[in-house]
Amino acid sequence: MKDKGDGHATLQEEKLLSREGENEQVPKGCLAVYVGENLQRFVIPASYLCQPVFQTLMEKVAEEFGFQQSGGLCIPCDVDSFEEILAVLKETSRKRRRKMIKNITKF
């Protein structure tokens, strides 16, 4: 997923962060999670699992559901809060990419 350079996410990144239908395939490097009372489906980059904010969510999942869930990964969080977390993670990823590109161009 590359940033177009103008601060806007690529179409692929937007699609990964959006809610997708149940029947759609999960792209390589991503995972589906289910959020909120209605278990709204989100497809997110697997790289988000390494982020501290997401690890906190995983601790909450373990507390509520234990480590043995059947089916998809359910996150006990309301949809609006989860969308805010995704926005932060997306911005963090964008800043990290810009910093890496800046460091690479120094050589």
PDB file of N, CA and C in Angstrom:
ATOM      1  N   MET A   1       0.840  -1.178   0.000  1.00  0.00           N
ATOM      2  CA  MET A   1       0.000   0.000   0.000  1.00  0.00           C
ATOM      3  C   MET A   1       0.880   1.233   0.000  1.00  0.00           C
ATOM      4  N   LYS A   2       0.818   1.957  -1.046  1.00  0.00           N
ATOM      5  CA  LYS A   2       1.664   3.139  -1.155  1.00  0.00           C
ATOM      6  C   LYS A   2       0.833   4.395  -1.077  1.00  0.00           C
ATOM      7  N   ASP A   3       1.410   5.396  -0.469  1.00  0.00           N
ATOM      8  CA  ASP A   3       0.817   6.714  -0.424  1.00  0.00           C
ATOM      9  C   ASP A   3       1.111   7.368  -1.765  1.00  0.00           C
ATOM     10  N   LYS A   4       0.162   8.063  -2.332  1.00  0.00           N
ATOM     11  CA  LYS A   4       0.349   8.697  -3.629  1.00  0.00           C
ATOM     12  C   LYS A   4       1.292   9.887  -3.557  1.00  0.00           C
ATOM     13  N   GLY A   5       1.802  10.204  -2.379  1.00  0.00           N
ATOM     14  CA  GLY A   5       2.729  11.320  -2.246  1.00  0.00           C
ATOM     15  C   GLY A   5       2.037  12.615  -1.879  1.00  0.00           C
ATOM     16  N   ASP A   6       0.738  12.683  -2.092  1.00  0.00           N
ATOM     17  CA  ASP A   6       0.017  13.915  -1.794  1.00  0.00           C
ATOM     18  C   ASP A   6      -0.737  13.820  -0.469  1.00  0.00           C
ATOM     19  N   GLY A   7      -0.422  12.759   0.315  1.00  0.00           N
ATOM     20  CA  GLY A   7      -1.079  12.621   1.610  1.00  0.00           C
ATOM     21  C   GLY A   7      -2.366  11.834   1.556  1.00  0.00           C
ATOM     22  N   HIS A   8      -2.804  11.433   0.357  1.00  0.00           N
ATOM     23  CA  HIS A   8      -4.027  10.660   0.212  1.00  0.00           C
ATOM     24  C   HIS A   8      -3.685   9.192   0.059  1.00  0.00           C
ATOM     25  N   ALA A   9      -4.458   8.340   0.678  1.00  0.00           N
ATOM     26  CA  ALA A   9      -4.230   6.908   0.600  1.00  0.00           C
ATOM     27  C   ALA A   9      -4.601   6.401  -0.783  1.00  0.00           C
ATOM     28  N   THR A  10      -3.979   5.305  -1.164  1.00  0.00           N
ATOM     29  CA  THR A  10      -4.326   4.682  -2.429  1.00  0.00           C
ATOM     30  C   THR A  10      -5.706   4.057  -2.310  1.00  0.00           C
ATOM     31  N   LEU A  11      -6.290   3.745  -3.451  1.00  0.00           N
ATOM     32  CA  LEU A  11      -7.603   3.111  -3.481  1.00  0.00           C
ATOM     33  C   LEU A  11      -7.561   1.783  -2.732  1.00  0.00           C
ATOM     34  N   GLN A  12      -6.473   1.021  -2.897  1.00  0.00           N
ATOM     35  CA  GLN A  12      -6.344  -0.261  -2.214  1.00  0.00           C
ATOM     36  C   GLN A  12      -6.355  -0.066  -0.696  1.00  0.00           C
ATOM     37  N   GLU A  13      -5.635   0.919  -0.196  1.00  0.00           N
ATOM     38  CA  GLU A  13      -5.605   1.159   1.249  1.00  0.00           C
ATOM     39  C   GLU A  13      -6.988   1.551   1.752  1.00  0.00           C
ATOM     40  N   GLU A  14      -7.681   2.401   1.005  1.00  0.00           N
ATOM     41  CA  GLU A  14      -9.026   2.798   1.409  1.00  0.00           C
ATOM     42  C   GLU A  14      -9.950   1.585   1.483  1.00  0.00           C
ATOM     43  N   LYS A  15      -9.810   0.685   0.511  1.00  0.00           N
ATOM     44  CA  LYS A  15     -10.660  -0.497   0.495  1.00  0.00           C
ATOM     45  C   LYS A  15     -10.350  -1.405   1.683  1.00  0.00           C
ATOM     46  N   LEU A  16      -9.081  -1.558   2.018  1.00  0.00           N
ATOM     47  CA  LEU A  16      -8.693  -2.419   3.135  1.00  0.00           C
ATOM     48  C   LEU A  16      -9.240  -1.894   4.449  1.00  0.00           C
ATOM     49  N   LEU A  17      -9.318  -0.601   4.588  1.00  0.00           N
ATOM     50  CA  LEU A  17      -9.764  -0.016   5.839  1.00  0.00           C
ATOM     51  C   LEU A  17     -11.271   0.142   5.909  1.00  0.00           C
ATOM     52  N   SER A  18     -11.947  -0.143   4.812  1.00  0.00           N
ATOM     53  CA  SER A  18     -13.394   0.018   4.806  1.00  0.00           C
ATOM     54  C   SER A  18     -14.075  -1.287   5.167  1.00  0.00           C
ATOM     55  N   ARG A  19     -15.337  -1.176   5.528  1.00  0.00           N
ATOM     56  CA  ARG A  19     -16.135  -2.369   5.769  1.00  0.00           C
ATOM     57  C   ARG A  19     -16.361  -3.049   4.435  1.00  0.00           C
ATOM     58  N   GLU A  20     -16.224  -4.365   4.424  1.00  0.00           N
ATOM     59  CA  GLU A  20     -16.433  -5.114   3.195  1.00  0.00           C
ATOM     60  C   GLU A  20     -17.480  -6.182   3.431  1.00  0.00           C
ATOM     61  N   GLY A  21     -18.077  -6.654   2.362  1.00  0.00           N
ATOM     62  CA  GLY A  21     -19.106  -7.677   2.440  1.00  0.00           C
ATOM     63  C   GLY A  21     -18.561  -9.001   2.941  1.00  0.00           C
ATOM     64  N   GLU A  22     -19.432  -9.797   3.521  1.00  0.00           N
ATOM     65  CA  GLU A  22     -19.056 -11.085   4.082  1.00  0.00           C
ATOM     66  C   GLU A  22     -18.437 -12.018   3.060  1.00  0.00           C
ATOM     67  N   ASN A  23     -18.875 -11.961   1.815  1.00  0.00           N
ATOM     68  CA  ASN A  23     -18.445 -12.931   0.827  1.00  0.00           C
ATOM     69  C   ASN A  23     -17.143 -12.568   0.129  1.00  0.00           C
ATOM     70  N   GLU A  24     -16.584 -11.414   0.417  1.00  0.00           N
ATOM     71  CA  GLU A  24     -15.364 -11.004  -0.249  1.00  0.00           C
ATOM     72  C   GLU A  24     -14.156 -11.675   0.376  1.00  0.00           C
ATOM     73  N   GLN A  25     -13.187 -11.977  -0.453  1.00  0.00           N
ATOM     74  CA  GLN A  25     -11.946 -12.593   0.003  1.00  0.00           C
ATOM     75  C   GLN A  25     -11.149 -11.581   0.822  1.00  0.00           C
ATOM     76  N   VAL A  26     -10.392 -12.093   1.778  1.00  0.00           N
ATOM     77  CA  VAL A  26      -9.495 -11.240   2.550  1.00  0.00           C
ATOM     78  C   VAL A  26      -8.162 -11.225   1.813  1.00  0.00           C
ATOM     79  N   PRO A  27      -7.691 -10.053   1.400  1.00  0.00           N
ATOM     80  CA  PRO A  27      -6.422  -9.973   0.668  1.00  0.00           C
ATOM     81  C   PRO A  27      -5.254 -10.489   1.506  1.00  0.00           C
ATOM     82  N   LYS A  28      -4.226 -10.955   0.833  1.00  0.00           N
ATOM     83  CA  LYS A  28      -3.018 -11.420   1.494  1.00  0.00           C
ATOM     84  C   LYS A  28      -2.448 -10.290   2.343  1.00  0.00           C
ATOM     85  N   GLY A  29      -2.013 -10.618   3.545  1.00  0.00           N
ATOM     86  CA  GLY A  29      -1.447  -9.616   4.441  1.00  0.00           C
ATOM     87  C   GLY A  29      -2.492  -8.864   5.247  1.00  0.00           C
ATOM     88  N   CYS A  30      -3.727  -9.323   5.189  1.00  0.00           N
ATOM     89  CA  CYS A  30      -4.822  -8.664   5.896  1.00  0.00           C
ATOM     90  C   CYS A  30      -5.594  -9.691   6.720  1.00  0.00           C
ATOM     91  N   LEU A  31      -6.483  -9.199   7.562  1.00  0.00           N
ATOM     92  CA  LEU A  31      -7.378 -10.079   8.292  1.00  0.00           C
ATOM     93  C   LEU A  31      -8.705  -9.392   8.495  1.00  0.00           C
ATOM     94  N   ALA A  32      -9.734 -10.212   8.657  1.00  0.00           N
ATOM     95  CA  ALA A  32     -11.074  -9.694   8.911  1.00  0.00           C
ATOM     96  C   ALA A  32     -11.310  -9.715  10.417  1.00  0.00           C
ATOM     97  N   VAL A  33     -11.893  -8.647  10.918  1.00  0.00           N
ATOM     98  CA  VAL A  33     -12.281  -8.570  12.323  1.00  0.00           C
ATOM     99  C   VAL A  33     -13.736  -8.131  12.375  1.00  0.00           C
ATOM    100  N   TYR A  34     -14.395  -8.477  13.473  1.00  0.00           N
ATOM    101  CA  TYR A  34     -15.809  -8.161  13.642  1.00  0.00           C
ATOM    102  C   TYR A  34     -15.951  -7.295  14.882  1.00  0.00           C
ATOM    103  N   VAL A  35     -16.635  -6.160  14.711  1.00  0.00           N
ATOM    104  CA  VAL A  35     -16.654  -5.127  15.737  1.00  0.00           C
ATOM    105  C   VAL A  35     -18.081  -4.718  16.062  1.00  0.00           C
ATOM    106  N   GLY A  36     -18.309  -4.446  17.337  1.00  0.00           N
ATOM    107  CA  GLY A  36     -19.586  -3.898  17.776  1.00  0.00           C
ATOM    108  C   GLY A  36     -20.656  -4.943  17.999  1.00  0.00           C
ATOM    109  N   GLU A  37     -21.802  -4.464  18.458  1.00  0.00           N
ATOM    110  CA  GLU A  37     -22.924  -5.347  18.766  1.00  0.00           C
ATOM    111  C   GLU A  37     -23.409  -6.121  17.542  1.00  0.00           C
ATOM    112  N   ASN A  38     -23.380  -5.485  16.373  1.00  0.00           N
ATOM    113  CA  ASN A  38     -23.858  -6.126  15.147  1.00  0.00           C
ATOM    114  C   ASN A  38     -22.754  -6.857  14.395  1.00  0.00           C
ATOM    115  N   LEU A  39     -21.582  -6.944  15.026  1.00  0.00           N
ATOM    116  CA  LEU A  39     -20.425  -7.621  14.428  1.00  0.00           C
ATOM    117  C   LEU A  39     -20.155  -7.147  13.011  1.00  0.00           C
ATOM    118  N   GLN A  40     -19.947  -5.849  12.892  1.00  0.00           N
ATOM    119  CA  GLN A  40     -19.621  -5.249  11.603  1.00  0.00           C
ATOM    120  C   GLN A  40     -18.238  -5.710  11.180  1.00  0.00           C
ATOM    121  N   ARG A  41     -18.106  -6.128   9.933  1.00  0.00           N
ATOM    122  CA  ARG A  41     -16.848  -6.695   9.430  1.00  0.00           C
ATOM    123  C   ARG A  41     -15.942  -5.600   8.886  1.00  0.00           C
ATOM    124  N   PHE A  42     -14.666  -5.666   9.296  1.00  0.00           N
ATOM    125  CA  PHE A  42     -13.635  -4.778   8.791  1.00  0.00           C
ATOM    126  C   PHE A  42     -12.489  -5.653   8.294  1.00  0.00           C
ATOM    127  N   VAL A  43     -11.869  -5.284   7.202  1.00  0.00           N
ATOM    128  CA  VAL A  43     -10.666  -5.955   6.715  1.00  0.00           C
ATOM    129  C   VAL A  43      -9.523  -4.968   6.924  1.00  0.00           C
ATOM    130  N   ILE A  44      -8.546  -5.405   7.724  1.00  0.00           N
ATOM    131  CA  ILE A  44      -7.456  -4.499   8.106  1.00  0.00           C
ATOM    132  C   ILE A  44      -6.101  -5.123   7.757  1.00  0.00           C
ATOM    133  N   PRO A  45      -5.079  -4.293   7.557  1.00  0.00           N
ATOM    134  CA  PRO A  45      -3.734  -4.828   7.330  1.00  0.00           C
ATOM    135  C   PRO A  45      -3.248  -5.575   8.579  1.00  0.00           C
ATOM    136  N   ALA A  46      -2.636  -6.724   8.398  1.00  0.00           N
ATOM    137  CA  ALA A  46      -2.113  -7.507   9.519  1.00  0.00           C
ATOM    138  C   ALA A  46      -1.039  -6.728  10.287  1.00  0.00           C
ATOM    139  N   SER A  47      -0.380  -5.793   9.629  1.00  0.00           N
ATOM    140  CA  SER A  47       0.665  -4.999  10.288  1.00  0.00           C
ATOM    141  C   SER A  47       0.122  -4.200  11.475  1.00  0.00           C
ATOM    142  N   TYR A  48      -1.179  -3.941  11.483  1.00  0.00           N
ATOM    143  CA  TYR A  48      -1.771  -3.202  12.600  1.00  0.00           C
ATOM    144  C   TYR A  48      -1.678  -3.982  13.907  1.00  0.00           C
ATOM    145  N   LEU A  49      -1.557  -5.308  13.821  1.00  0.00           N
ATOM    146  CA  LEU A  49      -1.497  -6.132  15.033  1.00  0.00           C
ATOM    147  C   LEU A  49      -0.273  -5.814  15.891  1.00  0.00           C
ATOM    148  N   CYS A  50       0.755  -5.250  15.279  1.00  0.00           N
ATOM    149  CA  CYS A  50       1.991  -4.921  16.008  1.00  0.00           C
ATOM    150  C   CYS A  50       1.911  -3.572  16.716  1.00  0.00           C
ATOM    151  N   GLN A  51       0.906  -2.781  16.418  1.00  0.00           N
ATOM    152  CA  GLN A  51       0.799  -1.444  16.979  1.00  0.00           C
ATOM    153  C   GLN A  51       0.280  -1.496  18.417  1.00  0.00           C
ATOM    154  N   PRO A  52       0.842  -0.681  19.314  1.00  0.00           N
ATOM    155  CA  PRO A  52       0.443  -0.704  20.726  1.00  0.00           C
ATOM    156  C   PRO A  52      -1.059  -0.544  20.957  1.00  0.00           C
ATOM    157  N   VAL A  53      -1.709   0.342  20.217  1.00  0.00           N
ATOM    158  CA  VAL A  53      -3.143   0.554  20.423  1.00  0.00           C
ATOM    159  C   VAL A  53      -3.925  -0.708  20.068  1.00  0.00           C
ATOM    160  N   PHE A  54      -3.475  -1.412  19.045  1.00  0.00           N
ATOM    161  CA  PHE A  54      -4.168  -2.632  18.649  1.00  0.00           C
ATOM    162  C   PHE A  54      -3.871  -3.757  19.639  1.00  0.00           C
ATOM    163  N   GLN A  55      -2.668  -3.778  20.189  1.00  0.00           N
ATOM    164  CA  GLN A  55      -2.333  -4.780  21.199  1.00  0.00           C
ATOM    165  C   GLN A  55      -3.198  -4.598  22.443  1.00  0.00           C
ATOM    166  N   THR A  56      -3.511  -3.359  22.767  1.00  0.00           N
ATOM    167  CA  THR A  56      -4.419  -3.089  23.883  1.00  0.00           C
ATOM    168  C   THR A  56      -5.799  -3.667  23.587  1.00  0.00           C
ATOM    169  N   LEU A  57      -6.259  -3.505  22.356  1.00  0.00           N
ATOM    170  CA  LEU A  57      -7.534  -4.090  21.960  1.00  0.00           C
ATOM    171  C   LEU A  57      -7.492  -5.615  22.084  1.00  0.00           C
ATOM    172  N   MET A  58      -6.368  -6.217  21.707  1.00  0.00           N
ATOM    173  CA  MET A  58      -6.244  -7.673  21.785  1.00  0.00           C
ATOM    174  C   MET A  58      -6.288  -8.158  23.234  1.00  0.00           C
ATOM    175  N   GLU A  59      -5.746  -7.360  24.146  1.00  0.00           N
ATOM    176  CA  GLU A  59      -5.838  -7.701  25.568  1.00  0.00           C
ATOM    177  C   GLU A  59      -7.296  -7.674  26.020  1.00  0.00           C
ATOM    178  N   LYS A  60      -8.039  -6.703  25.521  1.00  0.00           N
ATOM    179  CA  LYS A  60      -9.465  -6.595  25.830  1.00  0.00           C
ATOM    180  C   LYS A  60     -10.229  -7.799  25.276  1.00  0.00           C
ATOM    181  N   VAL A  61      -9.854  -8.236  24.073  1.00  0.00           N
ATOM    182  CA  VAL A  61     -10.472  -9.418  23.468  1.00  0.00           C
ATOM    183  C   VAL A  61     -10.216 -10.641  24.343  1.00  0.00           C
ATOM    184  N   ALA A  62      -8.960 -10.810  24.785  1.00  0.00           N
ATOM    185  CA  ALA A  62      -8.606 -11.961  25.611  1.00  0.00           C
ATOM    186  C   ALA A  62      -9.370 -11.950  26.933  1.00  0.00           C
ATOM    187  N   GLU A  63      -9.539 -10.764  27.512  1.00  0.00           N
ATOM    188  CA  GLU A  63     -10.283 -10.655  28.771  1.00  0.00           C
ATOM    189  C   GLU A  63     -11.746 -11.048  28.583  1.00  0.00           C
ATOM    190  N   GLU A  64     -12.343 -10.592  27.486  1.00  0.00           N
ATOM    191  CA  GLU A  64     -13.769 -10.820  27.282  1.00  0.00           C
ATOM    192  C   GLU A  64     -14.085 -12.203  26.719  1.00  0.00           C
ATOM    193  N   PHE A  65     -13.274 -12.667  25.752  1.00  0.00           N
ATOM    194  CA  PHE A  65     -13.596 -13.903  25.054  1.00  0.00           C
ATOM    195  C   PHE A  65     -12.630 -15.049  25.336  1.00  0.00           C
ATOM    196  N   GLY A  66     -11.506 -14.757  25.984  1.00  0.00           N
ATOM    197  CA  GLY A  66     -10.482 -15.784  26.149  1.00  0.00           C
ATOM    198  C   GLY A  66      -9.693 -15.925  24.860  1.00  0.00           C
ATOM    199  N   PHE A  67      -8.862 -16.953  24.821  1.00  0.00           N
ATOM    200  CA  PHE A  67      -8.003 -17.132  23.653  1.00  0.00           C
ATOM    201  C   PHE A  67      -8.586 -18.099  22.632  1.00  0.00           C
ATOM    202  N   GLN A  68      -9.708 -18.708  22.943  1.00  0.00           N
ATOM    203  CA  GLN A  68     -10.273 -19.689  22.029  1.00  0.00           C
ATOM    204  C   GLN A  68     -11.615 -19.204  21.486  1.00  0.00           C
ATOM    205  N   GLN A  69     -11.543 -18.400  20.450  1.00  0.00           N
ATOM    206  CA  GLN A  69     -12.748 -17.951  19.760  1.00  0.00           C
ATOM    207  C   GLN A  69     -12.965 -18.846  18.556  1.00  0.00           C
ATOM    208  N   SER A  70     -14.215 -19.094  18.241  1.00  0.00           N
ATOM    209  CA  SER A  70     -14.490 -19.810  16.996  1.00  0.00           C
ATOM    210  C   SER A  70     -14.942 -18.786  15.967  1.00  0.00           C
ATOM    211  N   GLY A  71     -14.614 -19.030  14.732  1.00  0.00           N
ATOM    212  CA  GLY A  71     -14.971 -18.086  13.683  1.00  0.00           C
ATOM    213  C   GLY A  71     -13.995 -16.924  13.636  1.00  0.00           C
ATOM    214  N   GLY A  72     -14.476 -15.758  13.229  1.00  0.00           N
ATOM    215  CA  GLY A  72     -13.625 -14.588  13.073  1.00  0.00           C
ATOM    216  C   GLY A  72     -13.247 -13.949  14.393  1.00  0.00           C
ATOM    217  N   LEU A  73     -12.297 -13.037  14.330  1.00  0.00           N
ATOM    218  CA  LEU A  73     -11.832 -12.315  15.507  1.00  0.00           C
ATOM    219  C   LEU A  73     -12.840 -11.227  15.855  1.00  0.00           C
ATOM    220  N   CYS A  74     -13.479 -11.345  17.016  1.00  0.00           N
ATOM    221  CA  CYS A  74     -14.461 -10.357  17.479  1.00  0.00           C
ATOM    222  C   CYS A  74     -13.787  -9.404  18.442  1.00  0.00           C
ATOM    223  N   ILE A  75     -13.999  -8.126  18.223  1.00  0.00           N
ATOM    224  CA  ILE A  75     -13.383  -7.095  19.064  1.00  0.00           C
ATOM    225  C   ILE A  75     -14.479  -6.368  19.830  1.00  0.00           C
ATOM    226  N   PRO A  76     -14.416  -6.415  21.174  1.00  0.00           N
ATOM    227  CA  PRO A  76     -15.442  -5.772  21.997  1.00  0.00           C
ATOM    228  C   PRO A  76     -15.231  -4.263  22.081  1.00  0.00           C
ATOM    229  N   CYS A  77     -15.639  -3.588  21.055  1.00  0.00           N
ATOM    230  CA  CYS A  77     -15.414  -2.148  20.919  1.00  0.00           C
ATOM    231  C   CYS A  77     -16.550  -1.633  20.051  1.00  0.00           C
ATOM    232  N   ASP A  78     -17.025  -0.431  20.317  1.00  0.00           N
ATOM    233  CA  ASP A  78     -18.074   0.090  19.444  1.00  0.00           C
ATOM    234  C   ASP A  78     -17.458   0.515  18.109  1.00  0.00           C
ATOM    235  N   VAL A  79     -18.263   0.477  17.067  1.00  0.00           N
ATOM    236  CA  VAL A  79     -17.799   0.719  15.706  1.00  0.00           C
ATOM    237  C   VAL A  79     -17.173   2.107  15.564  1.00  0.00           C
ATOM    238  N   ASP A  80     -17.774   3.132  16.148  1.00  0.00           N
ATOM    239  CA  ASP A  80     -17.229   4.491  16.027  1.00  0.00           C
ATOM    240  C   ASP A  80     -15.829   4.583  16.632  1.00  0.00           C
ATOM    241  N   SER A  81     -15.638   3.986  17.792  1.00  0.00           N
ATOM    242  CA  SER A  81     -14.314   3.997  18.428  1.00  0.00           C
ATOM    243  C   SER A  81     -13.302   3.234  17.579  1.00  0.00           C
ATOM    244  N   PHE A  82     -13.727   2.093  17.029  1.00  0.00           N
ATOM    245  CA  PHE A  82     -12.829   1.308  16.186  1.00  0.00           C
ATOM    246  C   PHE A  82     -12.430   2.099  14.943  1.00  0.00           C
ATOM    247  N   GLU A  83     -13.361   2.811  14.346  1.00  0.00           N
ATOM    248  CA  GLU A  83     -13.035   3.630  13.171  1.00  0.00           C
ATOM    249  C   GLU A  83     -12.046   4.739  13.525  1.00  0.00           C
ATOM    250  N   GLU A  84     -12.160   5.301  14.723  1.00  0.00           N
ATOM    251  CA  GLU A  84     -11.189   6.306  15.178  1.00  0.00           C
ATOM    252  C   GLU A  84      -9.809   5.683  15.340  1.00  0.00           C
ATOM    253  N   ILE A  85      -9.769   4.481  15.905  1.00  0.00           N
ATOM    254  CA  ILE A  85      -8.493   3.777  16.066  1.00  0.00           C
ATOM    255  C   ILE A  85      -7.876   3.501  14.698  1.00  0.00           C
ATOM    256  N   LEU A  86      -8.686   3.068  13.737  1.00  0.00           N
ATOM    257  CA  LEU A  86      -8.179   2.818  12.384  1.00  0.00           C
ATOM    258  C   LEU A  86      -7.613   4.091  11.759  1.00  0.00           C
ATOM    259  N   ALA A  87      -8.274   5.220  11.992  1.00  0.00           N
ATOM    260  CA  ALA A  87      -7.790   6.494  11.442  1.00  0.00           C
ATOM    261  C   ALA A  87      -6.412   6.833  12.024  1.00  0.00           C
ATOM    262  N   VAL A  88      -6.231   6.597  13.317  1.00  0.00           N
ATOM    263  CA  VAL A  88      -4.933   6.852  13.965  1.00  0.00           C
ATOM    264  C   VAL A  88      -3.873   5.909  13.393  1.00  0.00           C
ATOM    265  N   LEU A  89      -4.210   4.638  13.269  1.00  0.00           N
ATOM    266  CA  LEU A  89      -3.263   3.664  12.733  1.00  0.00           C
ATOM    267  C   LEU A  89      -2.883   3.989  11.293  1.00  0.00           C
ATOM    268  N   LYS A  90      -3.854   4.418  10.513  1.00  0.00           N
ATOM    269  CA  LYS A  90      -3.601   4.786   9.120  1.00  0.00           C
ATOM    270  C   LYS A  90      -2.643   5.975   9.042  1.00  0.00           C
ATOM    271  N   GLU A  91      -2.877   6.974   9.882  1.00  0.00           N
ATOM    272  CA  GLU A  91      -2.006   8.157   9.894  1.00  0.00           C
ATOM    273  C   GLU A  91      -0.607   7.794  10.380  1.00  0.00           C
ATOM    274  N   THR A  92      -0.518   6.945  11.382  1.00  0.00           N
ATOM    275  CA  THR A  92       0.776   6.495  11.892  1.00  0.00           C
ATOM    276  C   THR A  92       1.547   5.765  10.797  1.00  0.00           C
ATOM    277  N   SER A  93       0.867   4.899  10.063  1.00  0.00           N
ATOM    278  CA  SER A  93       1.499   4.168   8.965  1.00  0.00           C
ATOM    279  C   SER A  93       1.984   5.125   7.883  1.00  0.00           C
ATOM    280  N   ARG A  94       1.182   6.126   7.585  1.00  0.00           N
ATOM    281  CA  ARG A  94       1.540   7.111   6.563  1.00  0.00           C
ATOM    282  C   ARG A  94       2.791   7.888   6.983  1.00  0.00           C
ATOM    283  N   LYS A  95       2.836   8.308   8.244  1.00  0.00           N
ATOM    284  CA  LYS A  95       4.003   9.049   8.739  1.00  0.00           C
ATOM    285  C   LYS A  95       5.250   8.177   8.724  1.00  0.00           C
ATOM    286  N   ARG A  96       5.106   6.916   9.097  1.00  0.00           N
ATOM    287  CA  ARG A  96       6.238   5.999   9.102  1.00  0.00           C
ATOM    288  C   ARG A  96       6.779   5.809   7.687  1.00  0.00           C
ATOM    289  N   ARG A  97       5.882   5.667   6.700  1.00  0.00           N
ATOM    290  CA  ARG A  97       6.317   5.516   5.307  1.00  0.00           C
ATOM    291  C   ARG A  97       7.058   6.762   4.829  1.00  0.00           C
ATOM    292  N   ARG A  98       6.522   7.936   5.166  1.00  0.00           N
ATOM    293  CA  ARG A  98       7.191   9.184   4.754  1.00  0.00           C
ATOM    294  C   ARG A  98       8.592   9.276   5.348  1.00  0.00           C
ATOM    295  N   LYS A  99       8.725   8.896   6.609  1.00  0.00           N
ATOM    296  CA  LYS A  99      10.022   8.955   7.285  1.00  0.00           C
ATOM    297  C   LYS A  99      10.993   7.979   6.628  1.00  0.00           C
ATOM    298  N   MET A 100      10.539   6.780   6.308  1.00  0.00           N
ATOM    299  CA  MET A 100      11.406   5.797   5.654  1.00  0.00           C
ATOM    300  C   MET A 100      11.847   6.297   4.291  1.00  0.00           C
ATOM    301  N   ILE A 101      10.923   6.874   3.535  1.00  0.00           N
ATOM    302  CA  ILE A 101      11.262   7.391   2.208  1.00  0.00           C
ATOM    303  C   ILE A 101      12.274   8.519   2.337  1.00  0.00           C
ATOM    304  N   LYS A 102      12.073   9.391   3.307  1.00  0.00           N
ATOM    305  CA  LYS A 102      12.994  10.507   3.524  1.00  0.00           C
ATOM    306  C   LYS A 102      14.385   9.993   3.860  1.00  0.00           C
ATOM    307  N   ASN A 103      14.473   8.967   4.705  1.00  0.00           N
ATOM    308  CA  ASN A 103      15.758   8.393   5.085  1.00  0.00           C
ATOM    309  C   ASN A 103      16.432   7.701   3.905  1.00  0.00           C
ATOM    310  N   ILE A 104      15.647   7.056   3.069  1.00  0.00           N
ATOM    311  CA  ILE A 104      16.210   6.365   1.904  1.00  0.00           C
ATOM    312  C   ILE A 104      16.765   7.368   0.902  1.00  0.00           C
ATOM    313  N   THR A 105      16.086   8.490   0.710  1.00  0.00           N
ATOM    314  CA  THR A 105      16.531   9.465  -0.275  1.00  0.00           C
ATOM    315  C   THR A 105      17.764  10.231   0.187  1.00  0.00           C
ATOM    316  N   LYS A 106      18.145  10.118   1.444  1.00  0.00           N
ATOM    317  CA  LYS A 106      19.371  10.772   1.947  1.00  0.00           C
ATOM    318  C   LYS A 106      20.620  10.117   1.388  1.00  0.00           C
ATOM    319  N   PHE A 107      20.512   8.839   1.002  1.00  0.00           N
ATOM    320  CA  PHE A 107      21.681   8.105   0.524  1.00  0.00           C
ATOM    321  C   PHE A 107      22.043   8.462  -0.867  1.00  0.00           C
TER     322      PHE A 107
END
